[in-house]
């Protein structure tokens, strides 16, 4: 049986369905003599007669009737395997591990995962909500295939902007500047600030340093928090002010007011390792590009 080839099974099924070597040969595009010879080869390898041939036509033997559904099943499985390989080559099957910056997961994760599963139901999608340091480390190590969040400000990862929104000054609701339509970063020079620790992600803080220096001051940091939720709680408590993307307002319902900063925007990016741009990664990037063109990824 190990010498039986898929073509032999196709020939057998064609003759069984047509009940005629002549018709089967025409269907297969073979000479009738060649088809007859191949069926003889198959019968010899199976050590069984599959057809009765007489003046009344070509009929399956009892063994042939048993073999027919088995042959069809093997051919169907082979076609399925070929189709699966083709889908894998296009990045439509397999497993993709995604990381979402925790502060942006609320708005990003649902539409991205829905879009991927809707387009490619055979694609296994896993997700983690992580800090920026965990996201970058995971991409570098291969733990994650694609990340979503704010620009990581590193050179070894590729990024593509998928959304922009206002960057805002976040003030206690009773702050004198809370009623302003817009603010400049320089307007907050004398305010106490609450920020994330510098060691939470140094590249971000180095960028912040440059922004504050351009505004003419160094912020007076009175307390730190490791999450957007923590920063907003401190602002609502009147401890200080901070700066966040406008979409962060969805994290807290009251106590803090978001005022757009003139000329400042916050980017949402998709991030990946350029040397690991597999078919699956390209599939994710294509779906996200389509999604970004039709969906506001900064709102939940």
Protein backbone atom coordinates (compact mmCIF):
# COMPACT_ATOMS: atom_id res chain seq x y z
CA UNK A 1 0.00 0.00 0.00
CA UNK A 2 2.91 2.34 0.59
CA UNK A 3 3.52 2.45 -3.19
CA UNK A 4 0.01 3.69 -3.98
CA UNK A 5 0.13 7.30 -5.20
CA UNK A 6 -2.54 9.98 -5.06
CA UNK A 7 -2.86 9.90 -8.83
CA UNK A 8 -3.83 6.23 -8.64
CA UNK A 9 -6.61 7.13 -6.22
CA UNK A 10 -7.81 9.93 -8.52
CA UNK A 11 -7.86 7.52 -11.46
CA UNK A 12 -9.77 4.92 -9.46
CA UNK A 13 -12.38 7.43 -8.24
CA UNK A 14 -12.89 8.79 -11.77
CA UNK A 15 -13.54 5.31 -13.22
CA UNK A 16 -15.81 4.42 -10.30
CA UNK A 17 -17.87 7.58 -10.74
CA UNK A 18 -18.03 7.46 -14.55
CA UNK A 19 -18.51 3.66 -14.65
CA UNK A 20 -16.55 3.80 -17.87
CA UNK A 21 -12.86 3.80 -18.68
CA UNK A 22 -13.56 5.82 -21.81
CA UNK A 23 -15.48 8.55 -19.97
CA UNK A 24 -13.00 8.58 -17.09
CA UNK A 25 -10.06 8.91 -19.47
CA UNK A 26 -11.72 11.88 -21.16
CA UNK A 27 -12.41 13.48 -17.77
CA UNK A 28 -8.80 13.03 -16.68
CA UNK A 29 -7.28 14.00 -20.02
CA UNK A 30 -5.53 10.62 -20.37
CA UNK A 31 -5.39 8.00 -23.06
CA UNK A 32 -7.78 5.17 -22.26
CA UNK A 33 -5.00 2.59 -22.55
CA UNK A 34 -2.81 4.51 -20.10
CA UNK A 35 -5.68 4.79 -17.61
CA UNK A 36 -6.39 1.06 -17.86
CA UNK A 37 -2.73 0.29 -17.24
CA UNK A 38 -2.63 2.52 -14.16
CA UNK A 39 -5.73 0.86 -12.69
CA UNK A 40 -4.04 -2.53 -13.22
CA UNK A 41 -0.97 -1.20 -11.39
CA UNK A 42 -3.20 -0.05 -8.51
CA UNK A 43 -4.96 -3.42 -8.29
CA UNK A 44 -1.65 -5.23 -8.23
CA UNK A 45 -0.32 -3.04 -5.45
CA UNK A 46 -3.51 -3.54 -3.45
CA UNK A 47 -3.58 -7.22 -4.35
CA UNK A 48 -7.28 -6.88 -5.00
CA UNK A 49 -9.58 -6.54 -8.01
CA UNK A 50 -11.46 -3.25 -7.94
CA UNK A 51 -13.58 -3.48 -11.10
CA UNK A 52 -15.54 -6.09 -12.98
CA UNK A 53 -15.14 -5.50 -16.69
CA UNK A 54 -17.49 -7.22 -19.13
CA UNK A 55 -19.82 -6.46 -22.00
CA UNK A 56 -22.28 -4.79 -19.64
CA UNK A 57 -19.73 -2.12 -18.64
CA UNK A 58 -17.46 -1.38 -15.73
CA UNK A 59 -18.71 -2.04 -12.20
CA UNK A 60 -17.07 -1.91 -8.81
CA UNK A 61 -16.35 -5.19 -7.11
CA UNK A 62 -17.28 -5.63 -3.45
CA UNK A 63 -13.70 -4.68 -2.57
CA UNK A 64 -13.95 -1.67 -4.88
CA UNK A 65 -17.12 -0.48 -3.12
CA UNK A 66 -15.34 -0.67 0.23
CA UNK A 67 -12.29 1.16 -1.15
CA UNK A 68 -14.16 4.04 -2.83
CA UNK A 69 -15.08 6.10 0.28
CA UNK A 70 -11.58 5.53 1.66
CA UNK A 71 -9.98 6.79 -1.55
CA UNK A 72 -12.26 9.84 -1.59
CA UNK A 73 -11.38 10.62 2.03
CA UNK A 74 -7.64 10.45 1.32
CA UNK A 75 -7.98 12.76 -1.68
CA UNK A 76 -10.10 15.21 0.29
CA UNK A 77 -7.56 15.24 3.12
CA UNK A 78 -4.74 15.84 0.64
CA UNK A 79 -6.62 18.78 -0.88
CA UNK A 80 -7.26 20.15 2.60
CA UNK A 81 -3.56 19.87 3.47
CA UNK A 82 -2.56 21.74 0.30
CA UNK A 83 -5.12 24.46 1.04
CA UNK A 84 -3.86 24.76 4.61
CA UNK A 85 -0.29 25.17 3.45
CA UNK A 86 -1.40 27.86 1.01
CA UNK A 87 -3.24 29.71 3.80
CA UNK A 88 -0.19 29.40 6.04
CA UNK A 89 2.01 30.83 3.28
CA UNK A 90 -0.37 33.81 3.13
CA UNK A 91 -0.27 34.21 6.93
CA UNK A 92 -3.91 33.16 7.40
CA UNK A 93 -3.39 30.24 9.79
CA UNK A 94 -1.09 29.61 12.71
CA UNK A 95 -0.64 31.50 15.95
CA UNK A 96 0.18 35.16 16.47
CA UNK A 97 1.07 36.60 19.88
CA UNK A 98 0.11 40.24 20.40
CA UNK A 99 1.14 42.65 23.15
CA UNK A 100 -0.90 45.74 24.00
CA UNK A 101 0.34 48.60 26.09
CA UNK A 102 -1.82 48.32 29.19
CA UNK A 103 -2.84 51.98 29.11
CA UNK A 104 -4.12 51.62 25.53
CA UNK A 105 -5.49 48.07 25.62
CA UNK A 106 -9.02 49.26 26.44
CA UNK A 107 -9.36 51.00 23.09
CA UNK A 108 -6.99 48.95 20.92
CA UNK A 109 -7.41 45.30 21.87
CA UNK A 110 -11.12 44.75 21.05
CA UNK A 111 -11.16 46.15 17.49
CA UNK A 112 -7.80 44.59 16.54
CA UNK A 113 -8.70 41.11 17.78
CA UNK A 114 -12.20 41.27 16.29
CA UNK A 115 -10.79 42.29 12.90
CA UNK A 116 -8.21 39.48 12.88
CA UNK A 117 -10.67 36.79 13.96
CA UNK A 118 -13.30 38.06 11.57
CA UNK A 119 -10.95 37.94 8.57
CA UNK A 120 -9.06 34.78 9.53
CA UNK A 121 -11.09 32.46 11.79
CA UNK A 122 -8.36 29.80 11.63
CA UNK A 123 -5.75 32.18 13.04
CA UNK A 124 -5.03 31.67 16.74
CA UNK A 125 -4.64 35.06 18.42
CA UNK A 126 -3.22 35.49 21.93
CA UNK A 127 -3.03 38.82 23.75
CA UNK A 128 -1.29 40.32 26.77
CA UNK A 129 -1.72 43.79 28.30
CA UNK A 130 1.76 44.84 29.42
CA UNK A 131 3.99 47.74 30.35
CA UNK A 132 6.11 49.41 27.67
CA UNK A 133 9.25 47.73 29.04
CA UNK A 134 7.57 44.30 28.87
CA UNK A 135 6.29 45.02 25.36
CA UNK A 136 9.73 45.94 24.03
CA UNK A 137 11.47 43.07 25.83
CA UNK A 138 8.86 40.63 24.54
CA UNK A 139 9.23 41.80 20.94
CA UNK A 140 13.01 41.61 21.13
CA UNK A 141 12.97 38.10 22.60
CA UNK A 142 10.34 36.76 20.19
CA UNK A 143 7.74 36.30 22.93
CA UNK A 144 5.46 38.65 21.01
CA UNK A 145 5.07 38.98 17.25
CA UNK A 146 3.43 42.42 17.18
CA UNK A 147 2.92 45.14 19.78
CA UNK A 148 0.47 48.03 20.04
CA UNK A 149 0.79 51.23 22.05
CA UNK A 150 2.82 54.43 22.14
CA UNK A 151 6.07 54.86 20.18
CA UNK A 152 8.73 52.99 22.15
CA UNK A 153 11.45 55.46 21.04
CA UNK A 154 14.00 52.74 20.24
CA UNK A 155 15.91 52.13 17.03
CA UNK A 156 15.80 48.34 16.69
CA UNK A 157 12.01 48.00 16.37
CA UNK A 158 9.90 49.05 13.39
CA UNK A 159 6.84 51.20 14.08
CA UNK A 160 3.92 52.40 12.03
CA UNK A 161 1.49 55.07 13.22
CA UNK A 162 -2.12 53.85 13.18
CA UNK A 163 -3.82 56.72 15.02
CA UNK A 164 -3.14 60.19 16.41
CA UNK A 165 -5.00 62.15 19.07
CA UNK A 166 -4.46 65.25 21.16
CA UNK A 167 -1.94 65.15 23.99
CA UNK A 168 -3.56 66.81 26.99
CA UNK A 169 -2.69 68.47 30.23
CA UNK A 170 -4.59 66.62 32.95
CA UNK A 171 -5.68 68.84 35.82
CA UNK A 172 -7.78 68.49 38.96
CA UNK A 173 -11.35 69.44 38.15
CA UNK A 174 -11.18 72.51 40.43
CA UNK A 175 -7.90 73.77 38.99
CA UNK A 176 -7.92 77.43 37.79
CA UNK A 177 -6.78 76.36 34.31
CA UNK A 178 -9.30 73.51 33.96
CA UNK A 179 -11.78 75.72 32.09
CA UNK A 180 -9.30 76.68 29.36
CA UNK A 181 -9.97 75.41 25.84
CA UNK A 182 -6.27 74.75 25.26
CA UNK A 183 -3.01 75.12 27.14
CA UNK A 184 0.67 75.34 26.35
CA UNK A 185 3.16 73.16 28.17
CA UNK A 186 4.80 76.39 29.35
CA UNK A 187 1.56 77.32 31.18
CA UNK A 188 2.27 74.49 33.63
CA UNK A 189 5.79 75.53 34.59
CA UNK A 190 4.89 76.35 38.20
CA UNK A 191 2.66 73.33 38.78
CA UNK A 192 3.48 70.24 40.87
CA UNK A 193 3.68 67.22 38.55
CA UNK A 194 2.85 63.54 38.92
CA UNK A 195 4.69 61.31 36.45
CA UNK A 196 5.73 57.71 35.97
CA UNK A 197 9.14 56.74 37.40
CA UNK A 198 12.05 57.47 35.07
CA UNK A 199 13.16 53.85 35.22
CA UNK A 200 9.76 52.65 34.01
CA UNK A 201 10.87 53.54 30.47
CA UNK A 202 13.86 55.86 30.13
CA UNK A 203 13.44 56.59 26.36
CA UNK A 204 10.05 58.17 27.06
CA UNK A 205 11.41 60.30 29.89
CA UNK A 206 14.31 61.47 27.77
CA UNK A 207 11.77 62.71 25.23
CA UNK A 208 9.77 64.36 28.02
CA UNK A 209 12.94 66.07 29.25
CA UNK A 210 13.43 67.62 25.82
CA UNK A 211 9.79 68.76 25.67
CA UNK A 212 9.93 70.43 29.07
CA UNK A 213 13.30 72.01 28.30
CA UNK A 214 11.83 73.48 25.10
CA UNK A 215 9.01 74.92 27.25
CA UNK A 216 11.61 76.56 29.48
CA UNK A 217 11.53 74.52 32.66
CA UNK A 218 12.10 71.22 34.43
CA UNK A 219 8.93 69.85 36.04
CA UNK A 220 8.72 69.66 39.82
CA UNK A 221 7.71 66.03 40.33
CA UNK A 222 6.00 65.59 43.70
CA UNK A 223 4.83 61.98 43.32
CA UNK A 224 5.09 59.07 40.93
CA UNK A 225 2.69 56.36 39.78
CA UNK A 226 3.34 53.33 37.59
CA UNK A 227 0.04 53.36 35.65
CA UNK A 228 -2.39 55.72 33.97
CA UNK A 229 -4.96 54.78 36.60
CA UNK A 230 -2.53 55.78 39.34
CA UNK A 231 -1.66 59.08 37.70
CA UNK A 232 -5.31 59.99 37.23
CA UNK A 233 -6.09 59.14 40.84
CA UNK A 234 -3.31 61.46 42.01
CA UNK A 235 -4.55 64.25 39.74
CA UNK A 236 -8.15 63.79 40.95
CA UNK A 237 -6.86 63.98 44.52
CA UNK A 238 -5.27 67.35 43.77
CA UNK A 239 -1.69 66.14 44.22
CA UNK A 240 -0.49 67.50 40.88
CA UNK A 241 -0.94 67.70 37.12
CA UNK A 242 0.25 65.35 34.40
CA UNK A 243 0.23 64.89 30.63
CA UNK A 244 -1.62 62.04 28.88
CA UNK A 245 -3.25 61.10 25.58
CA UNK A 246 -6.86 62.27 25.27
CA UNK A 247 -8.12 58.67 25.16
CA UNK A 248 -6.90 58.15 28.73
CA UNK A 249 -9.94 60.08 29.94
CA UNK A 250 -11.95 56.86 29.54
CA UNK A 251 -10.01 55.33 32.46
CA UNK A 252 -11.52 57.69 35.04
CA UNK A 253 -14.98 59.21 35.09
CA UNK A 254 -14.50 62.22 37.36
CA UNK A 255 -12.06 64.35 39.27
CA UNK A 256 -9.68 65.10 36.38
CA UNK A 257 -10.05 67.42 33.40
CA UNK A 258 -8.26 66.93 30.06
CA UNK A 259 -7.22 70.13 28.27
CA UNK A 260 -5.51 69.77 24.84
CA UNK A 261 -1.93 70.99 24.66
CA UNK A 262 -1.32 73.27 21.68
CA UNK A 263 0.76 71.62 18.97
CA UNK A 264 1.09 68.29 20.77
CA UNK A 265 -0.26 64.95 19.64
CA UNK A 266 -0.05 61.42 20.99
CA UNK A 267 0.60 58.64 18.50
CA UNK A 268 -0.70 55.09 18.62
CA UNK A 269 1.64 52.71 16.80
CA UNK A 270 1.95 49.10 15.78
CA UNK A 271 5.43 47.77 16.51
CA UNK A 272 7.39 44.70 15.40
CA UNK A 273 10.89 43.36 14.88
CA UNK A 274 11.86 44.09 11.27
CA UNK A 275 13.99 40.94 11.10
CA UNK A 276 10.99 38.82 12.16
CA UNK A 277 8.48 40.11 9.61
CA UNK A 278 6.90 36.73 8.91
CA UNK A 279 3.81 36.00 6.80
CA UNK A 280 1.77 36.15 10.02
CA UNK A 281 3.23 39.52 11.00
CA UNK A 282 2.51 40.91 7.53
CA UNK A 283 -1.06 39.62 7.82
CA UNK A 284 -1.52 41.45 11.12
CA UNK A 285 -0.02 44.64 9.71
CA UNK A 286 -2.30 44.53 6.67
CA UNK A 287 -5.43 43.96 8.76
CA UNK A 288 -4.45 46.75 11.17
CA UNK A 289 -3.78 49.14 8.28
CA UNK A 290 -7.27 48.46 6.90
CA UNK A 291 -8.75 48.85 10.37
CA UNK A 292 -6.96 52.13 11.01
CA UNK A 293 -8.30 53.54 7.74
CA UNK A 294 -11.91 52.95 8.78
CA UNK A 295 -11.95 53.00 12.61
CA UNK A 296 -11.04 55.48 15.33
CA UNK A 297 -8.66 53.41 17.44
CA UNK A 298 -8.50 56.02 20.19
CA UNK A 299 -12.07 55.48 21.44
CA UNK A 300 -13.69 52.44 23.04
